[in-house]
Protein backbone atom coordinates (compact mmCIF):
# COMPACT_ATOMS: atom_id res chain seq x y z
CA MET A 1 -0.03 0.05 0.00
CA LYS A 2 1.34 3.33 -1.01
CA ILE A 3 0.60 6.55 0.61
CA LYS A 4 0.41 9.56 -1.67
CA TYR A 5 1.06 13.06 -0.27
CA ASP A 6 -0.38 16.20 -1.77
CA THR A 7 2.95 17.99 -2.39
CA LYS A 8 1.16 21.13 -3.86
CA LYS A 9 -0.74 21.54 -0.47
CA LYS A 10 2.24 21.02 1.63
CA PHE A 11 4.25 23.49 -0.42
CA VAL A 12 1.53 26.14 0.10
CA GLU A 13 1.42 25.39 3.82
CA GLN A 14 5.12 25.97 4.08
CA VAL A 15 5.24 29.14 2.11
CA PHE A 16 2.16 30.86 3.84
CA LEU A 17 2.92 29.18 7.26
CA LEU A 18 -0.74 28.17 7.50
CA GLU A 19 -0.21 25.98 10.74
CA ILE A 20 1.33 28.96 12.53
CA LEU A 21 -1.42 31.22 11.47
CA LYS A 22 -4.01 28.75 12.72
CA GLY A 23 -2.12 28.80 16.21
CA LEU A 24 -2.06 32.66 16.08
CA LYS A 25 -5.84 32.74 15.53
CA LEU A 26 -6.40 30.46 18.49
CA THR A 27 -4.17 32.51 20.65
CA LEU A 28 -5.81 35.78 19.71
CA LYS A 29 -9.14 34.27 20.41
CA ARG A 30 -8.39 33.14 23.90
CA LEU A 31 -6.37 36.37 24.65
CA PHE A 32 -9.57 38.44 24.80
CA SER A 33 -11.82 35.81 26.32
CA LYS A 34 -12.76 35.65 30.08
CA SER A 35 -10.00 34.15 32.19
CA VAL A 36 -10.90 30.63 33.82
CA THR A 37 -8.07 30.88 36.32
CA VAL A 38 -8.40 32.42 39.89
CA GLN A 39 -5.75 34.05 42.01
CA TYR A 40 -5.45 31.35 44.46
CA PRO A 41 -5.26 31.31 47.66
CA LYS A 42 -6.86 34.73 47.80
CA GLU A 43 -9.74 33.57 45.31
CA LYS A 44 -11.32 30.28 45.74
CA LYS A 45 -13.76 28.41 43.60
CA PRO A 46 -16.95 27.12 45.00
CA LEU A 47 -16.96 23.52 45.65
CA PHE A 48 -19.57 21.15 44.21
CA PRO A 49 -21.72 19.02 46.54
CA GLY A 50 -19.99 15.65 47.29
CA PHE A 51 -16.37 16.99 46.82
CA ARG A 52 -14.05 14.40 48.22
CA GLY A 53 -11.23 15.80 50.30
CA LYS A 54 -9.60 15.08 53.58
CA HIS A 55 -10.71 12.03 55.61
CA ALA A 56 -12.39 12.36 58.96
CA LEU A 57 -14.20 10.28 61.43
CA ILE A 58 -17.45 11.87 62.60
CA ARG A 59 -18.01 12.09 66.43
CA ASN A 60 -20.87 10.61 68.21
CA PRO A 61 -22.69 13.41 69.83
CA LEU A 62 -23.49 11.54 73.03
CA THR A 63 -19.98 9.99 73.59
CA GLN A 64 -17.78 12.38 71.59
CA GLU A 65 -16.03 9.33 70.42
CA ALA A 66 -15.95 7.96 66.78
CA LYS A 67 -19.34 6.65 65.60
CA CYS A 68 -17.69 3.69 64.00
CA VAL A 69 -19.12 0.31 64.94
CA ALA A 70 -16.42 -1.82 63.43
CA CYS A 71 -18.62 -3.32 60.82
CA MET A 72 -15.70 -3.63 58.56
CA ARG A 73 -17.74 -2.50 55.47
CA CYS A 74 -15.38 0.30 54.64
CA ALA A 75 -12.39 -1.65 54.73
CA SER A 76 -14.04 -4.36 52.61
CA VAL A 77 -15.36 -2.21 49.91
CA CYS A 78 -12.09 -0.06 49.61
CA PRO A 79 -10.61 -0.78 46.23
CA ALA A 80 -7.28 0.78 47.18
CA ARG A 81 -7.05 -1.29 50.42
CA CYS A 82 -5.82 1.84 52.36
CA ILE A 83 -8.04 1.32 55.56
CA SER A 84 -7.03 -0.80 58.41
CA ILE A 85 -9.32 -1.35 61.42
CA ARG A 86 -8.69 -3.42 64.67
CA TYR A 87 -11.50 -4.08 67.07
CA SER A 88 -12.24 -6.02 70.18
CA VAL A 89 -15.46 -7.89 71.16
CA ASP A 90 -17.29 -7.54 74.52
CA GLU A 91 -17.66 -11.02 76.01
CA LYS A 92 -21.18 -10.23 77.60
CA THR A 93 -22.94 -8.10 74.87
CA ARG A 94 -20.85 -9.37 71.92
CA ALA A 95 -20.62 -5.61 70.87
CA ARG A 96 -17.59 -4.70 68.80
CA LYS A 97 -15.39 -1.79 69.93
CA VAL A 98 -12.89 -0.06 67.77
CA GLU A 99 -9.35 -0.18 68.86
CA SER A 100 -7.59 1.37 66.01
CA TYR A 101 -8.63 3.01 62.64
CA ASP A 102 -5.99 4.05 60.21
CA ILE A 103 -6.23 5.36 56.58
CA ASP A 104 -3.11 5.70 54.27
CA ALA A 105 -4.40 8.83 52.34
CA LEU A 106 -1.61 8.31 49.77
CA ARG A 107 -3.14 5.03 48.53
CA CYS A 108 -6.65 6.44 48.63
CA ILE A 109 -8.41 7.05 45.16
CA PHE A 110 -11.00 9.28 46.79
CA CYS A 111 -13.92 7.03 45.29
CA GLY A 112 -16.23 7.66 48.28
CA TYR A 113 -17.19 4.04 48.61
CA CYS A 114 -16.22 3.96 52.30
CA GLU A 115 -18.76 6.84 53.32
CA GLU A 116 -21.40 5.42 51.04
CA ALA A 117 -21.07 1.86 52.56
CA CYS A 118 -20.98 2.90 56.10
CA PRO A 119 -24.38 2.20 57.93
CA VAL A 120 -23.93 4.82 60.60
CA ASN A 121 -22.11 7.71 58.65
CA ALA A 122 -18.83 7.44 60.60
CA ILE A 123 -16.36 8.04 57.87
CA VAL A 124 -16.49 10.89 55.71
CA LEU A 125 -14.27 12.66 52.96
CA THR A 126 -14.67 16.39 53.85
CA GLU A 127 -14.52 19.26 51.41
CA ASP A 128 -11.18 20.33 52.98
CA TYR A 129 -8.63 20.07 50.17
CA GLU A 130 -5.83 22.46 51.59
CA TYR A 131 -3.48 19.93 53.10
CA SER A 132 0.05 19.03 51.91
CA ASP A 133 3.32 18.14 53.56
CA TYR A 134 7.01 17.20 52.48
CA THR A 135 6.85 13.68 54.07
CA ARG A 136 4.51 10.58 53.95
CA GLU A 137 3.98 10.36 57.55
CA PRO A 138 1.49 13.21 58.03
CA PHE A 139 -0.90 11.45 55.42
CA ARG A 140 -1.19 8.36 57.41
CA PHE A 141 -4.25 9.15 59.59
CA ASP A 142 -4.93 7.26 62.69
CA MET A 143 -8.05 7.26 64.81
CA GLU A 144 -6.91 10.40 66.89
CA ARG A 145 -5.93 12.29 63.74
CA LEU A 146 -9.06 11.40 61.94
CA LEU A 147 -11.20 12.73 64.80
CA LYS A 148 -9.08 15.78 64.84
CA ASN A 149 -9.64 16.38 61.17
CA TRP A 150 -13.36 16.32 61.85
CA ASP A 151 -13.07 18.91 64.56
CA GLU A 152 -10.77 21.09 62.44
CA PHE A 153 -13.16 20.79 59.39
CA LEU A 154 -16.05 22.10 61.49
CA GLU A 155 -14.27 25.00 63.10
CA LYS A 156 -12.66 26.11 59.83
CA ASN A 157 -15.93 26.21 57.94
CA ASN A 158 -18.21 27.30 60.98
CA ILE A 159 -20.53 24.29 60.61
CA GLU A 160 -22.61 22.65 63.21
CA PRO A 161 -22.27 18.96 63.16
CA ASP A 162 -26.03 18.35 63.25
CA ASN A 163 -26.54 20.45 60.01
CA TYR A 164 -23.57 18.94 57.87
CA LEU A 165 -25.01 17.14 54.93
CA ASN A 166 -22.72 15.21 52.29
CA PRO A 167 -24.40 13.49 49.41
CA PHE A 168 -22.40 10.25 50.26
CA LEU A 169 -23.86 10.20 53.78
CA ARG A 170 -27.32 10.14 52.32
CA PRO A 171 -27.40 8.54 48.89
CA ARG A 172 -29.89 10.10 46.56
CA GLY A 173 -32.88 8.40 44.86
CA LEU A 174 -33.42 5.66 47.47
CA PRO A 175 -36.50 4.97 49.44
CA THR A 176 -35.98 5.86 53.17
CA GLY A 177 -37.10 2.30 54.23
CA GLU A 178 -34.13 0.93 52.30
CA LEU A 179 -31.62 2.84 54.05
CA PRO A 180 -29.80 1.88 57.26
CA ALA A 181 -31.13 3.82 60.29
CA GLY A 182 -27.89 5.98 60.45
CA LYS A 183 -28.60 7.32 56.96
CA ARG A 184 -32.03 8.22 57.35
CA ILE A 185 -31.00 11.92 57.93
CA LYS A 186 -32.99 14.91 56.74
CA VAL A 187 -31.98 15.96 53.21
CA PRO A 188 -33.51 18.42 50.52
CA ASP A 189 -36.77 17.03 48.82
CA GLU A 190 -34.77 16.67 45.58
CA TRP A 191 -32.43 14.29 47.32
CA THR A 192 -35.29 11.99 48.41
CA TYR A 193 -36.74 9.04 46.38
CA GLU A 194 -40.07 10.78 46.01
CA GLY A 195 -38.27 13.96 44.80
CA GLN A 196 -36.41 12.22 42.00
CA VAL A 197 -37.81 13.19 38.55
CA VAL A 198 -37.62 11.04 35.39
CA TRP A 199 -39.15 11.64 31.92
CA ARG A 200 -42.09 9.56 30.51
CA ASN A 201 -43.53 10.47 27.21
CA GLY A 202 -42.07 13.95 27.22
CA LYS A 203 -43.47 14.75 30.73
CA ALA A 204 -41.57 14.86 34.01
CA VAL A 205 -42.94 12.39 36.60
CA SER A 206 -41.64 11.39 40.01
CA ALA A 207 -39.50 8.23 40.33
CA LYS A 208 -42.09 6.89 42.63
CA GLU A 209 -44.81 7.18 40.12
CA ALA A 210 -42.52 5.90 37.27
CA ALA A 211 -41.75 2.77 39.40
CA SER A 212 -45.49 2.08 39.94
CA GLU A 213 -46.31 2.06 36.10
């Protein structure tokens, strides 16, 4: 198979520098368009709901300890295997108690599976993204550090823990009865199963109505 080149076209492009003119055209077009960059850290872009940043363990409002019940769902579902949990079992009640909870943030791929799988909303990827260091050690979070991350996140953003809402803590579009008790938290109407909208024959109907058809 022979490949034929259009020598005349190639000659014209070389003489009139057509490729360079195309590049200059694009440059001039972008030169007078609105800038998409921000002057960080003085300027910051708003974060979308569900942004996944620094890990934290949410405190139980009654005990002020981690809400984790050592069900191991987060560690089991984690594709990066960055979560390590150790627990003990009470001989009388057979209840589990978390002894250690460790996350290697450098291995994490920030998929959010851990907080989505947690039945009691104990683990969360906060909207805090401003953390960096020169060594690996600060990114290995133990239980004490994870609880501190939660406290710092609330204080930094002036958030009341009872009012904090993350899309992964309450998955959208699921009937409340199908959720674990720990995830049955108050959410906007559009987050509920009844509030989900689908299209049927060119008309918007609720997901509940569509399921009953």
